[in-house]
PDB file of N, CA and C in Angstrom:
ATOM      1  N   MET A   1     -40.315  35.080  30.674  1.00  0.00           N
ATOM      2  CA  MET A   1     -39.426  35.140  29.542  1.00  0.00           C
ATOM      3  C   MET A   1     -39.784  34.011  28.577  1.00  0.00           C
ATOM      4  N   PRO A   2     -39.832  34.284  27.266  1.00  0.00           N
ATOM      5  CA  PRO A   2     -40.160  33.238  26.299  1.00  0.00           C
ATOM      6  C   PRO A   2     -39.034  32.196  26.223  1.00  0.00           C
ATOM      7  N   LYS A   3     -39.430  31.025  25.785  1.00  0.00           N
ATOM      8  CA  LYS A   3     -38.486  29.915  25.722  1.00  0.00           C
ATOM      9  C   LYS A   3     -37.336  30.215  24.755  1.00  0.00           C
ATOM     10  N   GLN A   4     -37.603  30.902  23.649  1.00  0.00           N
ATOM     11  CA  GLN A   4     -36.569  31.215  22.671  1.00  0.00           C
ATOM     12  C   GLN A   4     -35.526  32.151  23.274  1.00  0.00           C
ATOM     13  N   ALA A   5     -35.952  33.117  24.104  1.00  0.00           N
ATOM     14  CA  ALA A   5     -35.008  34.036  24.738  1.00  0.00           C
ATOM     15  C   ALA A   5     -34.097  33.281  25.698  1.00  0.00           C
ATOM     16  N   ILE A   6     -34.636  32.291  26.391  1.00  0.00           N
ATOM     17  CA  ILE A   6     -33.824  31.494  27.305  1.00  0.00           C
ATOM     18  C   ILE A   6     -32.794  30.694  26.514  1.00  0.00           C
ATOM     19  N   ASN A   7     -33.188  30.139  25.382  1.00  0.00           N
ATOM     20  CA  ASN A   7     -32.261  29.372  24.558  1.00  0.00           C
ATOM     21  C   ASN A   7     -31.144  30.245  24.007  1.00  0.00           C
ATOM     22  N   VAL A   8     -31.457  31.469  23.580  1.00  0.00           N
ATOM     23  CA  VAL A   8     -30.441  32.388  23.055  1.00  0.00           C
ATOM     24  C   VAL A   8     -29.483  32.778  24.170  1.00  0.00           C
ATOM     25  N   ALA A   9     -30.013  33.056  25.350  1.00  0.00           N
ATOM     26  CA  ALA A   9     -29.160  33.434  26.477  1.00  0.00           C
ATOM     27  C   ALA A   9     -28.249  32.275  26.875  1.00  0.00           C
ATOM     28  N   SER A  10     -28.786  31.067  26.901  1.00  0.00           N
ATOM     29  CA  SER A  10     -27.944  29.928  27.269  1.00  0.00           C
ATOM     30  C   SER A  10     -26.906  29.637  26.180  1.00  0.00           C
ATOM     31  N   PHE A  11     -27.249  29.891  24.920  1.00  0.00           N
ATOM     32  CA  PHE A  11     -26.288  29.701  23.844  1.00  0.00           C
ATOM     33  C   PHE A  11     -25.155  30.723  23.942  1.00  0.00           C
ATOM     34  N   LYS A  12     -25.486  31.965  24.261  1.00  0.00           N
ATOM     35  CA  LYS A  12     -24.454  32.984  24.444  1.00  0.00           C
ATOM     36  C   LYS A  12     -23.548  32.630  25.610  1.00  0.00           C
ATOM     37  N   THR A  13     -24.125  32.120  26.691  1.00  0.00           N
ATOM     38  CA  THR A  13     -23.329  31.686  27.841  1.00  0.00           C
ATOM     39  C   THR A  13     -22.408  30.539  27.442  1.00  0.00           C
ATOM     40  N   TYR A  14     -22.946  29.609  26.684  1.00  0.00           N
ATOM     41  CA  TYR A  14     -22.152  28.471  26.210  1.00  0.00           C
ATOM     42  C   TYR A  14     -20.966  28.956  25.374  1.00  0.00           C
ATOM     43  N   LEU A  15     -21.216  29.891  24.449  1.00  0.00           N
ATOM     44  CA  LEU A  15     -20.147  30.404  23.600  1.00  0.00           C
ATOM     45  C   LEU A  15     -19.070  31.122  24.415  1.00  0.00           C
ATOM     46  N   SER A  16     -19.481  31.959  25.362  1.00  0.00           N
ATOM     47  CA  SER A  16     -18.495  32.693  26.144  1.00  0.00           C
ATOM     48  C   SER A  16     -17.684  31.759  27.043  1.00  0.00           C
ATOM     49  N   GLU A  17     -18.332  30.746  27.623  1.00  0.00           N
ATOM     50  CA  GLU A  17     -17.599  29.792  28.456  1.00  0.00           C
ATOM     51  C   GLU A  17     -16.659  28.927  27.620  1.00  0.00           C
ATOM     52  N   SER A  18     -17.086  28.565  26.413  1.00  0.00           N
ATOM     53  CA  SER A  18     -16.229  27.780  25.525  1.00  0.00           C
ATOM     54  C   SER A  18     -15.005  28.585  25.110  1.00  0.00           C
ATOM     55  N   TYR A  19     -15.216  29.837  24.756  1.00  0.00           N
ATOM     56  CA  TYR A  19     -14.099  30.707  24.380  1.00  0.00           C
ATOM     57  C   TYR A  19     -13.135  30.866  25.541  1.00  0.00           C
ATOM     58  N   ASN A  20     -13.660  31.108  26.742  1.00  0.00           N
ATOM     59  CA  ASN A  20     -12.826  31.268  27.925  1.00  0.00           C
ATOM     60  C   ASN A  20     -11.995  30.014  28.177  1.00  0.00           C
ATOM     61  N   GLU A  21     -12.605  28.848  28.017  1.00  0.00           N
ATOM     62  CA  GLU A  21     -11.879  27.601  28.246  1.00  0.00           C
ATOM     63  C   GLU A  21     -10.794  27.395  27.197  1.00  0.00           C
ATOM     64  N   LEU A  22     -11.103  27.683  25.923  1.00  0.00           N
ATOM     65  CA  LEU A  22     -10.103  27.509  24.868  1.00  0.00           C
ATOM     66  C   LEU A  22      -8.926  28.456  25.032  1.00  0.00           C
ATOM     67  N   VAL A  23      -9.184  29.668  25.495  1.00  0.00           N
ATOM     68  CA  VAL A  23      -8.117  30.661  25.611  1.00  0.00           C
ATOM     69  C   VAL A  23      -7.298  30.464  26.891  1.00  0.00           C
ATOM     70  N   ASN A  24      -7.962  30.168  28.000  1.00  0.00           N
ATOM     71  CA  ASN A  24      -7.274  30.180  29.290  1.00  0.00           C
ATOM     72  C   ASN A  24      -6.960  28.806  29.884  1.00  0.00           C
ATOM     73  N   LYS A  25      -7.674  27.757  29.506  1.00  0.00           N
ATOM     74  CA  LYS A  25      -7.498  26.472  30.178  1.00  0.00           C
ATOM     75  C   LYS A  25      -6.859  25.391  29.311  1.00  0.00           C
ATOM     76  N   VAL A  26      -6.917  25.531  28.005  1.00  0.00           N
ATOM     77  CA  VAL A  26      -6.357  24.520  27.117  1.00  0.00           C
ATOM     78  C   VAL A  26      -4.867  24.768  26.960  1.00  0.00           C
ATOM     79  N   SER A  27      -4.077  23.690  27.088  1.00  0.00           N
ATOM     80  CA  SER A  27      -2.640  23.844  26.857  1.00  0.00           C
ATOM     81  C   SER A  27      -2.348  23.461  25.408  1.00  0.00           C
ATOM     82  N   TRP A  28      -2.035  24.448  24.612  1.00  0.00           N
ATOM     83  CA  TRP A  28      -1.770  24.232  23.198  1.00  0.00           C
ATOM     84  C   TRP A  28      -0.337  23.784  23.008  1.00  0.00           C
ATOM     85  N   PRO A  29      -0.069  22.896  22.045  1.00  0.00           N
ATOM     86  CA  PRO A  29       1.307  22.434  21.828  1.00  0.00           C
ATOM     87  C   PRO A  29       2.154  23.524  21.189  1.00  0.00           C
ATOM     88  N   THR A  30       3.449  23.436  21.457  1.00  0.00           N
ATOM     89  CA  THR A  30       4.376  24.353  20.793  1.00  0.00           C
ATOM     90  C   THR A  30       4.569  23.888  19.351  1.00  0.00           C
ATOM     91  N   TRP A  31       5.238  24.735  18.569  1.00  0.00           N
ATOM     92  CA  TRP A  31       5.457  24.396  17.164  1.00  0.00           C
ATOM     93  C   TRP A  31       6.323  23.142  17.049  1.00  0.00           C
ATOM     94  N   LYS A  32       7.330  22.999  17.898  1.00  0.00           N
ATOM     95  CA  LYS A  32       8.193  21.812  17.878  1.00  0.00           C
ATOM     96  C   LYS A  32       7.411  20.558  18.235  1.00  0.00           C
ATOM     97  N   GLU A  33       6.546  20.635  19.252  1.00  0.00           N
ATOM     98  CA  GLU A  33       5.730  19.496  19.636  1.00  0.00           C
ATOM     99  C   GLU A  33       4.776  19.101  18.508  1.00  0.00           C
ATOM    100  N   LEU A  34       4.219  20.099  17.852  1.00  0.00           N
ATOM    101  CA  LEU A  34       3.302  19.838  16.735  1.00  0.00           C
ATOM    102  C   LEU A  34       4.026  19.160  15.578  1.00  0.00           C
ATOM    103  N   GLN A  35       5.230  19.625  15.271  1.00  0.00           N
ATOM    104  CA  GLN A  35       6.019  19.003  14.214  1.00  0.00           C
ATOM    105  C   GLN A  35       6.376  17.565  14.567  1.00  0.00           C
ATOM    106  N   GLY A  36       6.772  17.335  15.814  1.00  0.00           N
ATOM    107  CA  GLY A  36       7.114  15.984  16.243  1.00  0.00           C
ATOM    108  C   GLY A  36       5.932  15.043  16.144  1.00  0.00           C
ATOM    109  N   SER A  37       4.762  15.504  16.564  1.00  0.00           N
ATOM    110  CA  SER A  37       3.558  14.678  16.476  1.00  0.00           C
ATOM    111  C   SER A  37       3.188  14.395  15.016  1.00  0.00           C
ATOM    112  N   ALA A  38       3.338  15.383  14.162  1.00  0.00           N
ATOM    113  CA  ALA A  38       3.024  15.197  12.745  1.00  0.00           C
ATOM    114  C   ALA A  38       3.953  14.172  12.113  1.00  0.00           C
ATOM    115  N   ILE A  39       5.222  14.191  12.488  1.00  0.00           N
ATOM    116  CA  ILE A  39       6.176  13.217  11.948  1.00  0.00           C
ATOM    117  C   ILE A  39       5.834  11.810  12.428  1.00  0.00           C
ATOM    118  N   VAL A  40       5.452  11.684  13.707  1.00  0.00           N
ATOM    119  CA  VAL A  40       5.062  10.376  14.232  1.00  0.00           C
ATOM    120  C   VAL A  40       3.844   9.841  13.484  1.00  0.00           C
ATOM    121  N   VAL A  41       2.866  10.689  13.230  1.00  0.00           N
ATOM    122  CA  VAL A  41       1.666  10.271  12.497  1.00  0.00           C
ATOM    123  C   VAL A  41       2.028   9.871  11.069  1.00  0.00           C
ATOM    124  N   LEU A  42       2.883  10.637  10.414  1.00  0.00           N
ATOM    125  CA  LEU A  42       3.286  10.336   9.039  1.00  0.00           C
ATOM    126  C   LEU A  42       4.017   9.003   8.960  1.00  0.00           C
ATOM    127  N   VAL A  43       4.984   8.779   9.853  1.00  0.00           N
ATOM    128  CA  VAL A  43       5.739   7.520   9.844  1.00  0.00           C
ATOM    129  C   VAL A  43       4.822   6.342  10.146  1.00  0.00           C
ATOM    130  N   THR A  44       3.919   6.501  11.115  1.00  0.00           N
ATOM    131  CA  THR A  44       2.988   5.424  11.447  1.00  0.00           C
ATOM    132  C   THR A  44       2.075   5.110  10.259  1.00  0.00           C
ATOM    133  N   ALA A  45       1.577   6.128   9.595  1.00  0.00           N
ATOM    134  CA  ALA A  45       0.716   5.910   8.426  1.00  0.00           C
ATOM    135  C   ALA A  45       1.480   5.200   7.312  1.00  0.00           C
ATOM    136  N   LEU A  46       2.725   5.554   7.108  1.00  0.00           N
ATOM    137  CA  LEU A  46       3.527   4.891   6.078  1.00  0.00           C
ATOM    138  C   LEU A  46       3.769   3.426   6.423  1.00  0.00           C
ATOM    139  N   ILE A  47       4.067   3.145   7.689  1.00  0.00           N
ATOM    140  CA  ILE A  47       4.299   1.761   8.107  1.00  0.00           C
ATOM    141  C   ILE A  47       3.035   0.932   7.950  1.00  0.00           C
ATOM    142  N   ILE A  48       1.908   1.463   8.376  1.00  0.00           N
ATOM    143  CA  ILE A  48       0.639   0.732   8.254  1.00  0.00           C
ATOM    144  C   ILE A  48       0.292   0.501   6.788  1.00  0.00           C
ATOM    145  N   SER A  49       0.499   1.512   5.941  1.00  0.00           N
ATOM    146  CA  SER A  49       0.193   1.333   4.516  1.00  0.00           C
ATOM    147  C   SER A  49       1.126   0.306   3.886  1.00  0.00           C
ATOM    148  N   LEU A  50       2.379   0.262   4.321  1.00  0.00           N
ATOM    149  CA  LEU A  50       3.305  -0.743   3.813  1.00  0.00           C
ATOM    150  C   LEU A  50       2.872  -2.146   4.237  1.00  0.00           C
ATOM    151  N   VAL A  51       2.442  -2.305   5.487  1.00  0.00           N
ATOM    152  CA  VAL A  51       1.961  -3.602   5.969  1.00  0.00           C
ATOM    153  C   VAL A  51       0.729  -4.040   5.180  1.00  0.00           C
ATOM    154  N   VAL A  52      -0.207  -3.115   4.956  1.00  0.00           N
ATOM    155  CA  VAL A  52      -1.411  -3.453   4.195  1.00  0.00           C
ATOM    156  C   VAL A  52      -1.040  -3.823   2.756  1.00  0.00           C
ATOM    157  N   PHE A  53      -0.105  -3.103   2.157  1.00  0.00           N
ATOM    158  CA  PHE A  53       0.334  -3.424   0.798  1.00  0.00           C
ATOM    159  C   PHE A  53       0.944  -4.820   0.725  1.00  0.00           C
ATOM    160  N   VAL A  54       1.812  -5.147   1.698  1.00  0.00           N
ATOM    161  CA  VAL A  54       2.449  -6.464   1.700  1.00  0.00           C
ATOM    162  C   VAL A  54       1.408  -7.557   1.893  1.00  0.00           C
ATOM    163  N   MET A  55       0.454  -7.340   2.815  1.00  0.00           N
ATOM    164  CA  MET A  55      -0.601  -8.332   3.028  1.00  0.00           C
ATOM    165  C   MET A  55      -1.434  -8.501   1.763  1.00  0.00           C
ATOM    166  N   ASP A  56      -1.754  -7.400   1.098  1.00  0.00           N
ATOM    167  CA  ASP A  56      -2.535  -7.469  -0.132  1.00  0.00           C
ATOM    168  C   ASP A  56      -1.754  -8.191  -1.223  1.00  0.00           C
ATOM    169  N   TYR A  57      -0.471  -7.939  -1.290  1.00  0.00           N
ATOM    170  CA  TYR A  57       0.368  -8.566  -2.309  1.00  0.00           C
ATOM    171  C   TYR A  57       0.502 -10.063  -2.059  1.00  0.00           C
ATOM    172  N   VAL A  58       0.669 -10.437  -0.794  1.00  0.00           N
ATOM    173  CA  VAL A  58       0.864 -11.847  -0.460  1.00  0.00           C
ATOM    174  C   VAL A  58      -0.442 -12.623  -0.549  1.00  0.00           C
ATOM    175  N   PHE A  59      -1.521 -12.072  -0.020  1.00  0.00           N
ATOM    176  CA  PHE A  59      -2.769 -12.818   0.079  1.00  0.00           C
ATOM    177  C   PHE A  59      -3.792 -12.498  -1.008  1.00  0.00           C
ATOM    178  N   GLY A  60      -3.597 -11.443  -1.732  1.00  0.00           N
ATOM    179  CA  GLY A  60      -4.632 -11.016  -2.671  1.00  0.00           C
ATOM    180  C   GLY A  60      -4.187 -11.042  -4.101  1.00  0.00           C
ATOM    181  N   VAL A  61      -4.912 -10.310  -4.896  1.00  0.00           N
ATOM    182  CA  VAL A  61      -4.635 -10.218  -6.318  1.00  0.00           C
ATOM    183  C   VAL A  61      -3.610  -9.110  -6.518  1.00  0.00           C
ATOM    184  N   HIS A  62      -2.442  -9.468  -7.023  1.00  0.00           N
ATOM    185  CA  HIS A  62      -1.447  -8.429  -7.286  1.00  0.00           C
ATOM    186  C   HIS A  62      -1.082  -8.346  -8.759  1.00  0.00           C
ATOM    187  N   ASN A  63      -1.666  -9.209  -9.554  1.00  0.00           N
ATOM    188  CA  ASN A  63      -1.429  -9.140 -10.988  1.00  0.00           C
ATOM    189  C   ASN A  63      -2.764  -9.341 -11.691  1.00  0.00           C
ATOM    190  N   MET A  64      -3.426  -8.273 -12.043  1.00  0.00           N
ATOM    191  CA  MET A  64      -4.775  -8.351 -12.602  1.00  0.00           C
ATOM    192  C   MET A  64      -4.784  -8.886 -14.037  1.00  0.00           C
ATOM    193  N   THR A  65      -3.629  -8.910 -14.733  1.00  0.00           N
ATOM    194  CA  THR A  65      -3.610  -9.357 -16.115  1.00  0.00           C
ATOM    195  C   THR A  65      -3.566 -10.878 -16.218  1.00  0.00           C
ATOM    196  N   ASN A  66      -3.188 -11.556 -15.164  1.00  0.00           N
ATOM    197  CA  ASN A  66      -3.102 -13.007 -15.189  1.00  0.00           C
ATOM    198  C   ASN A  66      -4.490 -13.602 -14.978  1.00  0.00           C
ATOM    199  N   THR A  67      -4.707 -14.791 -15.503  1.00  0.00           N
ATOM    200  CA  THR A  67      -6.028 -15.411 -15.387  1.00  0.00           C
ATOM    201  C   THR A  67      -6.251 -16.047 -14.022  1.00  0.00           C
ATOM    202  N   SER A  68      -5.201 -16.375 -13.318  1.00  0.00           N
ATOM    203  CA  SER A  68      -5.332 -16.984 -11.996  1.00  0.00           C
ATOM    204  C   SER A  68      -5.714 -15.911 -10.979  1.00  0.00           C
ATOM    205  N   PHE A  69      -6.715 -16.210 -10.145  1.00  0.00           N
ATOM    206  CA  PHE A  69      -7.216 -15.202  -9.205  1.00  0.00           C
ATOM    207  C   PHE A  69      -6.291 -15.018  -8.008  1.00  0.00           C
ATOM    208  N   TRP A  70      -5.844 -16.114  -7.386  1.00  0.00           N
ATOM    209  CA  TRP A  70      -5.000 -16.001  -6.189  1.00  0.00           C
ATOM    210  C   TRP A  70      -3.538 -16.098  -6.560  1.00  0.00           C
ATOM    211  N   LYS A  71      -2.741 -15.274  -5.919  1.00  0.00           N
ATOM    212  CA  LYS A  71      -1.296 -15.267  -6.123  1.00  0.00           C
ATOM    213  C   LYS A  71      -0.612 -15.398  -4.771  1.00  0.00           C
ATOM    214  N   GLY A  72       0.679 -15.409  -4.799  1.00  0.00           N
ATOM    215  CA  GLY A  72       1.434 -15.403  -3.560  1.00  0.00           C
ATOM    216  C   GLY A  72       1.306 -16.709  -2.790  1.00  0.00           C
ATOM    217  N   ILE A  73       1.319 -16.624  -1.483  1.00  0.00           N
ATOM    218  CA  ILE A  73       1.284 -17.799  -0.619  1.00  0.00           C
ATOM    219  C   ILE A  73      -0.007 -18.580  -0.788  1.00  0.00           C
ATOM    220  N   LEU A  74      -1.135 -17.879  -0.845  1.00  0.00           N
ATOM    221  CA  LEU A  74      -2.408 -18.583  -1.005  1.00  0.00           C
ATOM    222  C   LEU A  74      -2.466 -19.339  -2.330  1.00  0.00           C
ATOM    223  N   GLY A  75      -1.959 -18.769  -3.383  1.00  0.00           N
ATOM    224  CA  GLY A  75      -1.929 -19.467  -4.665  1.00  0.00           C
ATOM    225  C   GLY A  75      -1.095 -20.729  -4.584  1.00  0.00           C
ATOM    226  N   PHE A  76       0.037 -20.649  -3.901  1.00  0.00           N
ATOM    227  CA  PHE A  76       0.887 -21.832  -3.721  1.00  0.00           C
ATOM    228  C   PHE A  76       0.160 -22.902  -2.911  1.00  0.00           C
ATOM    229  N   ILE A  77      -0.520 -22.504  -1.848  1.00  0.00           N
ATOM    230  CA  ILE A  77      -1.259 -23.452  -1.015  1.00  0.00           C
ATOM    231  C   ILE A  77      -2.391 -24.088  -1.817  1.00  0.00           C
ATOM    232  N   TYR A  78      -3.123 -23.296  -2.589  1.00  0.00           N
ATOM    233  CA  TYR A  78      -4.223 -23.833  -3.395  1.00  0.00           C
ATOM    234  C   TYR A  78      -3.709 -24.809  -4.452  1.00  0.00           C
ATOM    235  N   LYS A  79      -2.527 -24.533  -5.018  1.00  0.00           N
ATOM    236  CA  LYS A  79      -1.951 -25.463  -6.011  1.00  0.00           C
ATOM    237  C   LYS A  79      -1.567 -26.785  -5.334  1.00  0.00           C
ATOM    238  N   LEU A  80      -1.073 -26.706  -4.111  1.00  0.00           N
ATOM    239  CA  LEU A  80      -0.719 -27.920  -3.379  1.00  0.00           C
ATOM    240  C   LEU A  80      -1.950 -28.753  -3.057  1.00  0.00           C
ATOM    241  N   MET A  81      -3.054 -28.097  -2.755  1.00  0.00           N
ATOM    242  CA  MET A  81      -4.277 -28.788  -2.361  1.00  0.00           C
ATOM    243  C   MET A  81      -4.998 -29.404  -3.560  1.00  0.00           C
ATOM    244  N   SER A  82      -4.805 -28.879  -4.735  1.00  0.00           N
ATOM    245  CA  SER A  82      -5.540 -29.397  -5.892  1.00  0.00           C
ATOM    246  C   SER A  82      -4.781 -30.447  -6.645  1.00  0.00           C
TER     247      SER A  82
END
């Protein structure tokens, strides 16, 4: 048998076994479980984005129109040091 025929046969076997596993062996979540997981992901993403925003505001540039580069706590510390 040519090598290409063996590869096609093994690919067909792979596809049929994958389909069988997805249909019969995987436990899919219910609609309620999916909604609950989506809400957890959404709330977590919002909390993380809020933390990043606060860190950026405190430690970074939050007013691009001002001539001073550092604002917030770091700006206060730099003013004390100079």
